[in-house]
PDB file of N, CA and C in Angstrom:
ATOM      1  N   MET A   1     139.834  72.439 163.631  1.00  0.00           N
ATOM      2  CA  MET A   1     140.960  73.054 164.307  1.00  0.00           C
ATOM      3  C   MET A   1     140.703  74.549 164.401  1.00  0.00           C
ATOM      4  N   SER A   2     140.874  75.077 165.601  1.00  0.00           N
ATOM      5  CA  SER A   2     140.632  76.501 165.783  1.00  0.00           C
ATOM      6  C   SER A   2     141.827  77.310 165.284  1.00  0.00           C
ATOM      7  N   LYS A   3     141.584  78.602 165.091  1.00  0.00           N
ATOM      8  CA  LYS A   3     142.650  79.484 164.614  1.00  0.00           C
ATOM      9  C   LYS A   3     143.800  79.532 165.613  1.00  0.00           C
ATOM     10  N   GLU A   4     143.456  79.608 166.910  1.00  0.00           N
ATOM     11  CA  GLU A   4     144.489  79.685 167.947  1.00  0.00           C
ATOM     12  C   GLU A   4     145.360  78.447 167.952  1.00  0.00           C
ATOM     13  N   THR A   5     144.742  77.278 167.847  1.00  0.00           N
ATOM     14  CA  THR A   5     145.491  76.024 167.839  1.00  0.00           C
ATOM     15  C   THR A   5     146.404  75.964 166.627  1.00  0.00           C
ATOM     16  N   SER A   6     145.888  76.354 165.492  1.00  0.00           N
ATOM     17  CA  SER A   6     146.674  76.317 164.267  1.00  0.00           C
ATOM     18  C   SER A   6     147.857  77.277 164.345  1.00  0.00           C
ATOM     19  N   ILE A   7     147.626  78.460 164.877  1.00  0.00           N
ATOM     20  CA  ILE A   7     148.710  79.441 165.023  1.00  0.00           C
ATOM     21  C   ILE A   7     149.760  78.910 165.991  1.00  0.00           C
ATOM     22  N   LYS A   8     149.328  78.328 167.098  1.00  0.00           N
ATOM     23  CA  LYS A   8     150.268  77.790 168.084  1.00  0.00           C
ATOM     24  C   LYS A   8     151.106  76.668 167.479  1.00  0.00           C
ATOM     25  N   GLU A   9     150.485  75.793 166.695  1.00  0.00           N
ATOM     26  CA  GLU A   9     151.222  74.712 166.055  1.00  0.00           C
ATOM     27  C   GLU A   9     152.259  75.252 165.075  1.00  0.00           C
ATOM     28  N   THR A  10     151.870  76.241 164.293  1.00  0.00           N
ATOM     29  CA  THR A  10     152.793  76.834 163.328  1.00  0.00           C
ATOM     30  C   THR A  10     153.968  77.487 164.031  1.00  0.00           C
ATOM     31  N   LEU A  11     153.687  78.240 165.077  1.00  0.00           N
ATOM     32  CA  LEU A  11     154.758  78.897 165.827  1.00  0.00           C
ATOM     33  C   LEU A  11     155.675  77.872 166.502  1.00  0.00           C
ATOM     34  N   ALA A  12     155.119  76.758 166.948  1.00  0.00           N
ATOM     35  CA  ALA A  12     155.936  75.712 167.571  1.00  0.00           C
ATOM     36  C   ALA A  12     156.896  75.105 166.552  1.00  0.00           C
ATOM     37  N   VAL A  13     156.439  74.892 165.344  1.00  0.00           N
ATOM     38  CA  VAL A  13     157.307  74.353 164.290  1.00  0.00           C
ATOM     39  C   VAL A  13     158.423  75.334 163.971  1.00  0.00           C
ATOM     40  N   ILE A  14     158.086  76.608 163.861  1.00  0.00           N
ATOM     41  CA  ILE A  14     159.093  77.636 163.566  1.00  0.00           C
ATOM     42  C   ILE A  14     160.107  77.725 164.716  1.00  0.00           C
ATOM     43  N   ARG A  15     159.610  77.727 165.944  1.00  0.00           N
ATOM     44  CA  ARG A  15     160.491  77.816 167.114  1.00  0.00           C
ATOM     45  C   ARG A  15     161.450  76.626 167.147  1.00  0.00           C
ATOM     46  N   LYS A  16     160.936  75.433 166.886  1.00  0.00           N
ATOM     47  CA  LYS A  16     161.769  74.228 166.888  1.00  0.00           C
ATOM     48  C   LYS A  16     162.853  74.324 165.820  1.00  0.00           C
ATOM     49  N   ALA A  17     162.492  74.826 164.650  1.00  0.00           N
ATOM     50  CA  ALA A  17     163.469  74.962 163.566  1.00  0.00           C
ATOM     51  C   ALA A  17     164.549  75.979 163.924  1.00  0.00           C
ATOM     52  N   LEU A  18     164.155  77.059 164.560  1.00  0.00           N
ATOM     53  CA  LEU A  18     165.124  78.091 164.936  1.00  0.00           C
ATOM     54  C   LEU A  18     166.052  77.632 166.056  1.00  0.00           C
ATOM     55  N   GLU A  19     165.558  76.769 166.925  1.00  0.00           N
ATOM     56  CA  GLU A  19     166.365  76.278 168.040  1.00  0.00           C
ATOM     57  C   GLU A  19     167.248  75.105 167.655  1.00  0.00           C
ATOM     58  N   ASP A  20     167.105  74.603 166.454  1.00  0.00           N
ATOM     59  CA  ASP A  20     167.869  73.442 166.004  1.00  0.00           C
ATOM     60  C   ASP A  20     169.353  73.806 165.920  1.00  0.00           C
ATOM     61  N   ASP A  21     170.172  73.170 166.743  1.00  0.00           N
ATOM     62  CA  ASP A  21     171.615  73.435 166.766  1.00  0.00           C
ATOM     63  C   ASP A  21     172.338  72.775 165.599  1.00  0.00           C
ATOM     64  N   ASN A  22     171.735  71.814 164.981  1.00  0.00           N
ATOM     65  CA  ASN A  22     172.378  71.076 163.896  1.00  0.00           C
ATOM     66  C   ASN A  22     172.170  71.715 162.538  1.00  0.00           C
ATOM     67  N   PHE A  23     171.731  72.958 162.518  1.00  0.00           N
ATOM     68  CA  PHE A  23     171.455  73.609 161.235  1.00  0.00           C
ATOM     69  C   PHE A  23     172.755  73.825 160.473  1.00  0.00           C
ATOM     70  N   ASP A  24     172.762  73.387 159.239  1.00  0.00           N
ATOM     71  CA  ASP A  24     173.915  73.551 158.361  1.00  0.00           C
ATOM     72  C   ASP A  24     173.363  73.750 156.959  1.00  0.00           C
ATOM     73  N   GLU A  25     173.905  74.707 156.233  1.00  0.00           N
ATOM     74  CA  GLU A  25     173.378  74.991 154.893  1.00  0.00           C
ATOM     75  C   GLU A  25     173.509  73.801 153.965  1.00  0.00           C
ATOM     76  N   SER A  26     174.491  72.950 154.206  1.00  0.00           N
ATOM     77  CA  SER A  26     174.659  71.774 153.348  1.00  0.00           C
ATOM     78  C   SER A  26     173.768  70.616 153.780  1.00  0.00           C
ATOM     79  N   ASN A  27     173.059  70.797 154.896  1.00  0.00           N
ATOM     80  CA  ASN A  27     172.171  69.766 155.411  1.00  0.00           C
ATOM     81  C   ASN A  27     170.997  69.575 154.451  1.00  0.00           C
ATOM     82  N   PRO A  28     170.782  68.358 153.967  1.00  0.00           N
ATOM     83  CA  PRO A  28     169.675  68.138 153.027  1.00  0.00           C
ATOM     84  C   PRO A  28     168.297  68.223 153.680  1.00  0.00           C
ATOM     85  N   LYS A  29     168.246  68.210 155.005  1.00  0.00           N
ATOM     86  CA  LYS A  29     166.960  68.322 155.684  1.00  0.00           C
ATOM     87  C   LYS A  29     166.613  69.802 155.767  1.00  0.00           C
ATOM     88  N   ILE A  30     165.631  70.198 155.010  1.00  0.00           N
ATOM     89  CA  ILE A  30     165.224  71.600 154.949  1.00  0.00           C
ATOM     90  C   ILE A  30     163.811  71.710 155.480  1.00  0.00           C
ATOM     91  N   LEU A  31     163.580  72.698 156.301  1.00  0.00           N
ATOM     92  CA  LEU A  31     162.243  72.940 156.835  1.00  0.00           C
ATOM     93  C   LEU A  31     161.410  73.644 155.768  1.00  0.00           C
ATOM     94  N   LEU A  32     160.318  73.051 155.416  1.00  0.00           N
ATOM     95  CA  LEU A  32     159.398  73.673 154.476  1.00  0.00           C
ATOM     96  C   LEU A  32     158.125  74.015 155.233  1.00  0.00           C
ATOM     97  N   LEU A  33     157.784  75.265 155.237  1.00  0.00           N
ATOM     98  CA  LEU A  33     156.543  75.684 155.875  1.00  0.00           C
ATOM     99  C   LEU A  33     155.456  75.672 154.823  1.00  0.00           C
ATOM    100  N   ASN A  34     154.402  74.971 155.098  1.00  0.00           N
ATOM    101  CA  ASN A  34     153.330  74.855 154.131  1.00  0.00           C
ATOM    102  C   ASN A  34     152.079  75.626 154.554  1.00  0.00           C
ATOM    103  N   LYS A  35     152.279  76.618 155.417  1.00  0.00           N
ATOM    104  CA  LYS A  35     151.141  77.401 155.876  1.00  0.00           C
ATOM    105  C   LYS A  35     151.394  78.871 155.632  1.00  0.00           C
ATOM    106  N   LYS A  36     150.349  79.586 155.276  1.00  0.00           N
ATOM    107  CA  LYS A  36     150.425  81.024 155.054  1.00  0.00           C
ATOM    108  C   LYS A  36     149.463  81.679 156.036  1.00  0.00           C
ATOM    109  N   ILE A  37     149.962  82.633 156.796  1.00  0.00           N
ATOM    110  CA  ILE A  37     149.128  83.341 157.757  1.00  0.00           C
ATOM    111  C   ILE A  37     148.649  84.626 157.098  1.00  0.00           C
ATOM    112  N   ASN A  38     147.352  84.774 156.964  1.00  0.00           N
ATOM    113  CA  ASN A  38     146.759  85.953 156.339  1.00  0.00           C
ATOM    114  C   ASN A  38     146.711  87.112 157.325  1.00  0.00           C
ATOM    115  N   ASP A  39     146.442  88.305 156.806  1.00  0.00           N
ATOM    116  CA  ASP A  39     146.361  89.491 157.656  1.00  0.00           C
ATOM    117  C   ASP A  39     145.271  89.366 158.718  1.00  0.00           C
ATOM    118  N   ASP A  40     144.207  88.646 158.410  1.00  0.00           N
ATOM    119  CA  ASP A  40     143.116  88.516 159.374  1.00  0.00           C
ATOM    120  C   ASP A  40     143.359  87.396 160.387  1.00  0.00           C
ATOM    121  N   GLY A  41     144.525  86.759 160.326  1.00  0.00           N
ATOM    122  CA  GLY A  41     144.872  85.724 161.284  1.00  0.00           C
ATOM    123  C   GLY A  41     144.514  84.319 160.849  1.00  0.00           C
ATOM    124  N   THR A  42     143.808  84.181 159.741  1.00  0.00           N
ATOM    125  CA  THR A  42     143.477  82.847 159.259  1.00  0.00           C
ATOM    126  C   THR A  42     144.721  82.223 158.632  1.00  0.00           C
ATOM    127  N   ILE A  43     144.745  80.919 158.619  1.00  0.00           N
ATOM    128  CA  ILE A  43     145.901  80.190 158.093  1.00  0.00           C
ATOM    129  C   ILE A  43     145.439  79.325 156.934  1.00  0.00           C
ATOM    130  N   ASN A  44     146.143  79.434 155.836  1.00  0.00           N
ATOM    131  CA  ASN A  44     145.870  78.595 154.664  1.00  0.00           C
ATOM    132  C   ASN A  44     147.038  77.669 154.440  1.00  0.00           C
ATOM    133  N   ILE A  45     146.741  76.428 154.137  1.00  0.00           N
ATOM    134  CA  ILE A  45     147.786  75.497 153.738  1.00  0.00           C
ATOM    135  C   ILE A  45     148.094  75.792 152.271  1.00  0.00           C
ATOM    136  N   ILE A  46     149.359  75.849 151.919  1.00  0.00           N
ATOM    137  CA  ILE A  46     149.766  76.303 150.585  1.00  0.00           C
ATOM    138  C   ILE A  46     149.131  75.458 149.485  1.00  0.00           C
ATOM    139  N   ASN A  47     148.998  74.158 149.687  1.00  0.00           N
ATOM    140  CA  ASN A  47     148.356  73.326 148.662  1.00  0.00           C
ATOM    141  C   ASN A  47     146.926  73.771 148.421  1.00  0.00           C
ATOM    142  N   ASP A  48     146.233  74.164 149.499  1.00  0.00           N
ATOM    143  CA  ASP A  48     144.861  74.649 149.360  1.00  0.00           C
ATOM    144  C   ASP A  48     144.829  75.944 148.562  1.00  0.00           C
ATOM    145  N   ILE A  49     145.833  76.800 148.754  1.00  0.00           N
ATOM    146  CA  ILE A  49     145.886  78.067 148.032  1.00  0.00           C
ATOM    147  C   ILE A  49     146.004  77.799 146.537  1.00  0.00           C
ATOM    148  N   ASP A  50     146.853  76.836 146.154  1.00  0.00           N
ATOM    149  CA  ASP A  50     147.000  76.503 144.739  1.00  0.00           C
ATOM    150  C   ASP A  50     145.683  76.005 144.152  1.00  0.00           C
ATOM    151  N   GLU A  51     144.974  75.183 144.905  1.00  0.00           N
ATOM    152  CA  GLU A  51     143.688  74.679 144.442  1.00  0.00           C
ATOM    153  C   GLU A  51     142.677  75.818 144.293  1.00  0.00           C
ATOM    154  N   LYS A  52     142.659  76.735 145.269  1.00  0.00           N
ATOM    155  CA  LYS A  52     141.726  77.857 145.202  1.00  0.00           C
ATOM    156  C   LYS A  52     142.064  78.754 144.021  1.00  0.00           C
ATOM    157  N   ASN A  53     143.360  78.996 143.792  1.00  0.00           N
ATOM    158  CA  ASN A  53     143.767  79.825 142.663  1.00  0.00           C
ATOM    159  C   ASN A  53     143.344  79.197 141.346  1.00  0.00           C
ATOM    160  N   SER A  54     143.474  77.889 141.215  1.00  0.00           N
ATOM    161  CA  SER A  54     143.066  77.245 139.972  1.00  0.00           C
ATOM    162  C   SER A  54     141.548  77.304 139.808  1.00  0.00           C
ATOM    163  N   GLU A  55     140.808  77.209 140.909  1.00  0.00           N
ATOM    164  CA  GLU A  55     139.348  77.342 140.835  1.00  0.00           C
ATOM    165  C   GLU A  55     138.960  78.761 140.423  1.00  0.00           C
ATOM    166  N   ILE A  56     139.644  79.741 140.989  1.00  0.00           N
ATOM    167  CA  ILE A  56     139.360  81.139 140.643  1.00  0.00           C
ATOM    168  C   ILE A  56     139.682  81.396 139.183  1.00  0.00           C
ATOM    169  N   LYS A  57     140.830  80.902 138.713  1.00  0.00           N
ATOM    170  CA  LYS A  57     141.206  81.072 137.305  1.00  0.00           C
ATOM    171  C   LYS A  57     140.181  80.425 136.381  1.00  0.00           C
ATOM    172  N   ALA A  58     139.717  79.247 136.736  1.00  0.00           N
ATOM    173  CA  ALA A  58     138.718  78.565 135.911  1.00  0.00           C
ATOM    174  C   ALA A  58     137.421  79.364 135.868  1.00  0.00           C
ATOM    175  N   THR A  59     137.008  79.915 137.002  1.00  0.00           N
ATOM    176  CA  THR A  59     135.795  80.732 137.052  1.00  0.00           C
ATOM    177  C   THR A  59     135.943  81.974 136.188  1.00  0.00           C
ATOM    178  N   ILE A  60     137.094  82.626 136.286  1.00  0.00           N
ATOM    179  CA  ILE A  60     137.345  83.829 135.479  1.00  0.00           C
ATOM    180  C   ILE A  60     137.349  83.473 133.994  1.00  0.00           C
ATOM    181  N   ASP A  61     138.020  82.385 133.630  1.00  0.00           N
ATOM    182  CA  ASP A  61     138.057  81.961 132.224  1.00  0.00           C
ATOM    183  C   ASP A  61     136.658  81.682 131.684  1.00  0.00           C
ATOM    184  N   ASN A  62     135.849  81.001 132.484  1.00  0.00           N
ATOM    185  CA  ASN A  62     134.484  80.701 132.055  1.00  0.00           C
ATOM    186  C   ASN A  62     133.676  81.981 131.848  1.00  0.00           C
ATOM    187  N   LYS A  63     133.825  82.925 132.768  1.00  0.00           N
ATOM    188  CA  LYS A  63     133.090  84.192 132.670  1.00  0.00           C
ATOM    189  C   LYS A  63     133.538  84.980 131.439  1.00  0.00           C
ATOM    190  N   ILE A  64     134.859  85.054 131.225  1.00  0.00           N
ATOM    191  CA  ILE A  64     135.384  85.769 130.056  1.00  0.00           C
ATOM    192  C   ILE A  64     134.890  85.123 128.770  1.00  0.00           C
ATOM    193  N   ASN A  65     134.937  83.802 128.704  1.00  0.00           N
ATOM    194  CA  ASN A  65     134.469  83.105 127.503  1.00  0.00           C
ATOM    195  C   ASN A  65     132.997  83.366 127.229  1.00  0.00           C
ATOM    196  N   SER A  66     132.184  83.339 128.274  1.00  0.00           N
ATOM    197  CA  SER A  66     130.758  83.578 128.064  1.00  0.00           C
ATOM    198  C   SER A  66     130.506  85.016 127.616  1.00  0.00           C
ATOM    199  N   LEU A  67     131.248  85.977 128.175  1.00  0.00           N
ATOM    200  CA  LEU A  67     131.088  87.369 127.750  1.00  0.00           C
ATOM    201  C   LEU A  67     131.531  87.571 126.306  1.00  0.00           C
ATOM    202  N   ILE A  68     132.641  86.951 125.942  1.00  0.00           N
ATOM    203  CA  ILE A  68     133.119  87.077 124.554  1.00  0.00           C
ATOM    204  C   ILE A  68     132.110  86.466 123.591  1.00  0.00           C
ATOM    205  N   GLU A  69     131.619  85.285 123.910  1.00  0.00           N
ATOM    206  CA  GLU A  69     130.638  84.639 123.038  1.00  0.00           C
ATOM    207  C   GLU A  69     129.385  85.505 122.885  1.00  0.00           C
ATOM    208  N   LYS A  70     128.891  86.029 123.985  1.00  0.00           N
ATOM    209  CA  LYS A  70     127.685  86.861 123.953  1.00  0.00           C
ATOM    210  C   LYS A  70     127.926  88.120 123.132  1.00  0.00           C
ATOM    211  N   ASN A  71     129.034  88.828 123.415  1.00  0.00           N
ATOM    212  CA  ASN A  71     129.312  90.067 122.693  1.00  0.00           C
ATOM    213  C   ASN A  71     129.622  89.814 121.229  1.00  0.00           C
ATOM    214  N   PHE A  72     130.269  88.699 120.932  1.00  0.00           N
ATOM    215  CA  PHE A  72     130.568  88.376 119.541  1.00  0.00           C
ATOM    216  C   PHE A  72     129.279  88.102 118.772  1.00  0.00           C
ATOM    217  N   GLU A  73     128.362  87.384 119.390  1.00  0.00           N
ATOM    218  CA  GLU A  73     127.077  87.116 118.739  1.00  0.00           C
ATOM    219  C   GLU A  73     126.304  88.417 118.501  1.00  0.00           C
ATOM    220  N   GLU A  74     126.337  89.320 119.479  1.00  0.00           N
ATOM    221  CA  GLU A  74     125.671  90.612 119.300  1.00  0.00           C
ATOM    222  C   GLU A  74     126.335  91.414 118.186  1.00  0.00           C
ATOM    223  N   PHE A  75     127.647  91.361 118.118  1.00  0.00           N
ATOM    224  CA  PHE A  75     128.380  92.058 117.069  1.00  0.00           C
ATOM    225  C   PHE A  75     127.975  91.522 115.702  1.00  0.00           C
ATOM    226  N   ILE A  76     127.931  90.217 115.580  1.00  0.00           N
ATOM    227  CA  ILE A  76     127.557  89.605 114.293  1.00  0.00           C
ATOM    228  C   ILE A  76     126.137  90.013 113.920  1.00  0.00           C
ATOM    229  N   ASP A  77     125.227  89.950 114.863  1.00  0.00           N
ATOM    230  CA  ASP A  77     123.834  90.291 114.581  1.00  0.00           C
ATOM    231  C   ASP A  77     123.670  91.761 114.180  1.00  0.00           C
ATOM    232  N   LYS A  78     124.381  92.658 114.841  1.00  0.00           N
ATOM    233  CA  LYS A  78     124.158  94.086 114.629  1.00  0.00           C
ATOM    234  C   LYS A  78     125.061  94.710 113.579  1.00  0.00           C
ATOM    235  N   LYS A  79     126.317  94.343 113.527  1.00  0.00           N
ATOM    236  CA  LYS A  79     127.291  95.087 112.743  1.00  0.00           C
ATOM    237  C   LYS A  79     127.808  94.388 111.499  1.00  0.00           C
ATOM    238  N   LEU A  80     127.767  93.088 111.476  1.00  0.00           N
ATOM    239  CA  LEU A  80     128.426  92.367 110.397  1.00  0.00           C
ATOM    240  C   LEU A  80     127.855  92.704 109.024  1.00  0.00           C
ATOM    241  N   SER A  81     126.544  92.757 108.903  1.00  0.00           N
ATOM    242  CA  SER A  81     125.959  93.053 107.594  1.00  0.00           C
ATOM    243  C   SER A  81     126.356  94.448 107.111  1.00  0.00           C
ATOM    244  N   ASP A  82     126.394  95.435 108.024  1.00  0.00           N
ATOM    245  CA  ASP A  82     126.831  96.786 107.650  1.00  0.00           C
ATOM    246  C   ASP A  82     128.287  96.794 107.197  1.00  0.00           C
ATOM    247  N   LEU A  83     129.130  96.078 107.892  1.00  0.00           N
ATOM    248  CA  LEU A  83     130.542  96.029 107.525  1.00  0.00           C
ATOM    249  C   LEU A  83     130.749  95.351 106.168  1.00  0.00           C
ATOM    250  N   ILE A  84     130.011  94.309 105.909  1.00  0.00           N
ATOM    251  CA  ILE A  84     130.117  93.629 104.613  1.00  0.00           C
ATOM    252  C   ILE A  84     129.652  94.553 103.505  1.00  0.00           C
ATOM    253  N   ASP A  85     128.542  95.257 103.712  1.00  0.00           N
ATOM    254  CA  ASP A  85     128.046  96.203 102.703  1.00  0.00           C
ATOM    255  C   ASP A  85     129.074  97.292 102.426  1.00  0.00           C
ATOM    256  N   LYS A  86     129.672  97.856 103.455  1.00  0.00           N
ATOM    257  CA  LYS A  86     130.691  98.890 103.282  1.00  0.00           C
ATOM    258  C   LYS A  86     131.883  98.343 102.517  1.00  0.00           C
ATOM    259  N   HIS A  87     132.283  97.152 102.833  1.00  0.00           N
ATOM    260  CA  HIS A  87     133.422  96.529 102.155  1.00  0.00           C
ATOM    261  C   HIS A  87     133.128  96.298 100.676  1.00  0.00           C
ATOM    262  N   LEU A  88     131.922  95.800 100.395  1.00  0.00           N
ATOM    263  CA  LEU A  88     131.560  95.538  98.999  1.00  0.00           C
ATOM    264  C   LEU A  88     131.439  96.839  98.205  1.00  0.00           C
ATOM    265  N   LYS A  89     130.898  97.885  98.796  1.00  0.00           N
ATOM    266  CA  LYS A  89     130.798  99.170  98.129  1.00  0.00           C
ATOM    267  C   LYS A  89     132.193  99.735  97.838  1.00  0.00           C
ATOM    268  N   LYS A  90     133.085  99.585  98.786  1.00  0.00           N
ATOM    269  CA  LYS A  90     134.451 100.063  98.610  1.00  0.00           C
ATOM    270  C   LYS A  90     135.125  99.298  97.475  1.00  0.00           C
ATOM    271  N   LYS A  91     134.884  98.007  97.371  1.00  0.00           N
ATOM    272  CA  LYS A  91     135.470  97.175  96.318  1.00  0.00           C
ATOM    273  C   LYS A  91     134.960  97.608  94.935  1.00  0.00           C
ATOM    274  N   LYS A  92     133.696  98.018  94.861  1.00  0.00           N
ATOM    275  CA  LYS A  92     133.125  98.416  93.574  1.00  0.00           C
ATOM    276  C   LYS A  92     133.809  99.667  93.048  1.00  0.00           C
ATOM    277  N   PHE A  93     134.197 100.570  93.960  1.00  0.00           N
ATOM    278  CA  PHE A  93     134.815 101.825  93.546  1.00  0.00           C
ATOM    279  C   PHE A  93     136.305 101.675  93.260  1.00  0.00           C
ATOM    280  N   ASP A  94     136.912 100.585  93.664  1.00  0.00           N
ATOM    281  CA  ASP A  94     138.350 100.390  93.432  1.00  0.00           C
ATOM    282  C   ASP A  94     138.627  99.873  92.090  1.00  0.00           C
TER     283      ASP A  94
END
């Protein structure tokens, strides 16, 4: 589906909803728009956006976890023995 076709379909749905004479706030039939028009003119279906957001969150979580694991291992290798020695020396003087 081209961008133009998708935009025309979305606008047709909106136009039809606005022209509906039977609109009543108590009417249980509610128009739900499931498309988001981006600044560049592309259209995303809202369900797709949720899926993309969850994929992005998972990618970020994986990256953060790998960085924490790497930095924690480096910390243990470089600093832990010094910190333990300082702690034990401090305990001897107390």
